[in-house]
Amino acid sequence: MKKRMTETSIAIEIWLGLIILFLIYKYIDTLIIKWPLMIFTGGAFFYGILETCKQVLINNIEEASITGKIPTLKDGIRNWSKAIFFVILFLISLLLSFPDLADKYIFCRGADEGKQPVSSGCYDNGREYLTEEELK
C-alpha cells in the first residue's frame, strides 16, 4: 500500500529539522564538530523535505486525474491567504518569543539607556546612534 503524504507531514518535517538544528547549534560547543554536523543535517532535511514535496505533488496530480476535480482560482486565493496569515502569525510568535532580539535589531532600542551599538544597523537620519562622548 502506498503511503499518503500530506502538507501536514511536510510541516512536521520542517519543524523537526528546525528543532534539531537549533539543538545542535545550542548544545554542541566544539566548532569543528558543530558546523559540519549542522550542514550535513540541514542538507539531509532539505532533500528529505524536497522528496516529500515531490511525493505530495504527484499524489495531488493523481487525485486530480482520477476524480477530475481541478483546483480553481478561489482555492488558490484561499491557500495563499492562509499561507500569508500563518507567516505573519509565525513572525509575531518569534517577536514574542525573543523580545530582547526584537528590541535590539528590529525596533532599534539598545539594552543600555537607549544607546545603540555601532554594528546594530539602526540609523537616524543617516547618523548612527552614538553618545556625545563616543563622537569625541
Protein backbone atom coordinates (compact mmCIF):
# COMPACT_ATOMS: atom_id res chain seq x y z
CA MET A 1 0.00 0.00 0.00
CA LYS A 2 1.25 3.44 -0.93
CA LYS A 3 1.96 5.87 1.89
CA ARG A 4 -0.20 9.00 1.65
CA MET A 5 1.82 12.19 2.13
CA THR A 6 0.12 15.43 3.10
CA GLU A 7 1.12 19.04 3.65
CA THR A 8 0.99 18.37 7.38
CA SER A 9 3.78 15.83 7.09
CA ILE A 10 5.91 18.47 5.34
CA ALA A 11 5.24 20.95 8.17
CA ILE A 12 6.16 18.32 10.76
CA GLU A 13 9.41 17.57 8.93
CA ILE A 14 10.28 21.28 8.74
CA TRP A 15 9.65 21.85 12.45
CA LEU A 16 11.56 18.70 13.39
CA GLY A 17 14.51 19.84 11.26
CA LEU A 18 14.50 23.33 12.77
CA ILE A 19 14.35 21.95 16.31
CA ILE A 20 17.23 19.53 15.68
CA LEU A 21 19.34 22.26 14.04
CA PHE A 22 18.63 24.59 16.97
CA LEU A 23 19.62 21.90 19.47
CA ILE A 24 22.84 21.22 17.58
CA TYR A 25 23.63 24.95 17.48
CA LYS A 26 22.81 25.47 21.14
CA TYR A 27 24.36 22.43 22.81
CA ILE A 28 27.40 21.40 20.76
CA ASP A 29 30.30 23.66 21.68
CA THR A 30 33.14 22.29 19.56
CA LEU A 31 33.10 24.35 16.36
CA ILE A 32 34.88 21.75 14.25
CA ILE A 33 32.03 19.34 15.02
CA LYS A 34 29.12 21.80 15.23
CA TRP A 35 29.18 23.39 11.77
CA PRO A 36 29.78 20.27 9.62
CA LEU A 37 27.09 18.48 11.61
CA MET A 38 24.68 21.38 11.06
CA ILE A 39 25.46 21.48 7.33
CA PHE A 40 25.02 17.72 6.92
CA THR A 41 21.83 17.64 8.99
CA GLY A 42 20.39 20.68 7.22
CA GLY A 43 21.15 19.14 3.83
CA ALA A 44 19.57 15.84 4.83
CA PHE A 45 16.40 17.58 5.99
CA PHE A 46 16.34 19.77 2.87
CA TYR A 47 16.49 16.83 0.49
CA GLY A 48 14.06 14.82 2.64
CA ILE A 49 11.55 17.69 2.53
CA LEU A 50 12.15 18.08 -1.21
CA GLU A 51 11.30 14.39 -1.74
CA THR A 52 8.17 14.75 0.39
CA CYS A 53 7.09 17.82 -1.63
CA LYS A 54 7.55 15.87 -4.87
CA GLN A 55 5.50 12.98 -3.47
CA VAL A 56 2.70 15.33 -2.35
CA LEU A 57 2.66 16.96 -5.79
CA ILE A 58 2.46 13.55 -7.50
CA ASN A 59 -0.34 12.47 -5.15
CA ASN A 60 -2.29 15.68 -5.86
CA ILE A 61 -1.90 15.24 -9.62
CA GLU A 62 -3.01 11.59 -9.42
CA GLU A 63 -6.01 12.55 -7.28
CA ALA A 64 -6.96 15.33 -9.70
CA SER A 65 -6.69 12.99 -12.70
CA ILE A 66 -8.78 10.25 -11.03
CA THR A 67 -11.54 12.46 -9.62
CA GLY A 68 -11.50 15.08 -12.36
CA LYS A 69 -11.53 17.85 -9.75
CA ILE A 70 -9.19 20.68 -10.74
CA PRO A 71 -8.26 23.44 -8.28
CA THR A 72 -9.84 26.78 -9.10
CA LEU A 73 -8.69 30.36 -8.64
CA LYS A 74 -10.80 30.57 -5.50
CA ASP A 75 -8.88 27.63 -4.00
CA GLY A 76 -5.57 29.29 -4.90
CA ILE A 77 -6.56 32.58 -3.28
CA ARG A 78 -7.70 30.73 -0.17
CA ASN A 79 -4.40 28.83 0.05
CA TRP A 80 -2.29 31.97 -0.44
CA SER A 81 -4.24 33.94 2.15
CA LYS A 82 -3.89 31.07 4.61
CA ALA A 83 -0.13 30.93 3.96
CA ILE A 84 0.29 34.69 4.44
CA PHE A 85 -1.73 34.56 7.66
CA PHE A 86 0.44 31.79 9.10
CA VAL A 87 3.69 33.53 8.10
CA ILE A 88 2.52 36.68 9.90
CA LEU A 89 1.48 34.58 12.90
CA PHE A 90 4.90 32.88 12.89
CA LEU A 91 6.73 36.22 12.79
CA ILE A 92 4.64 37.59 15.66
CA SER A 93 5.36 34.46 17.70
CA LEU A 94 9.10 34.93 17.05
CA LEU A 95 8.87 38.55 18.22
CA LEU A 96 7.08 37.46 21.39
CA SER A 97 9.49 34.59 21.99
CA PHE A 98 12.64 36.69 21.66
CA PRO A 99 11.77 40.22 22.83
CA ASP A 100 15.38 41.21 23.56
CA LEU A 101 16.48 40.43 19.99
CA ALA A 102 13.44 42.24 18.62
CA ASP A 103 14.27 45.32 20.68
CA LYS A 104 17.89 45.31 19.59
CA TYR A 105 17.64 44.52 15.87
CA ILE A 106 14.10 45.40 14.78
CA PHE A 107 12.94 48.27 16.97
CA CYS A 108 16.48 49.71 17.33
CA ARG A 109 16.41 50.08 21.10
CA GLY A 110 19.59 49.33 22.95
CA ALA A 111 19.77 47.44 26.20
CA ASP A 112 21.59 50.26 27.99
CA GLU A 113 19.86 53.66 28.18
CA GLY A 114 18.80 53.71 24.55
CA LYS A 115 22.41 53.80 23.30
CA GLN A 116 22.87 51.83 20.09
CA PRO A 117 25.89 49.71 19.30
CA VAL A 118 27.65 50.80 16.12
CA SER A 119 27.10 47.43 14.42
CA SER A 120 23.35 47.25 15.06
CA GLY A 121 22.39 48.74 11.71
CA CYS A 122 19.95 51.25 13.24
CA TYR A 123 20.24 54.75 11.88
CA ASP A 124 18.54 58.08 12.48
CA ASN A 125 18.68 60.48 9.53
CA GLY A 126 21.86 58.85 8.27
CA ARG A 127 23.67 59.24 11.61
CA GLU A 128 24.26 56.31 13.91
CA TYR A 129 23.04 56.49 17.49
CA LEU A 130 26.14 57.42 19.47
CA THR A 131 26.58 59.40 22.64
CA GLU A 132 28.46 62.71 22.65
CA GLU A 133 31.40 61.07 24.43
CA GLU A 134 31.79 58.47 21.71
CA LEU A 135 31.77 61.11 18.99
CA LYS A 136 34.80 62.87 20.53
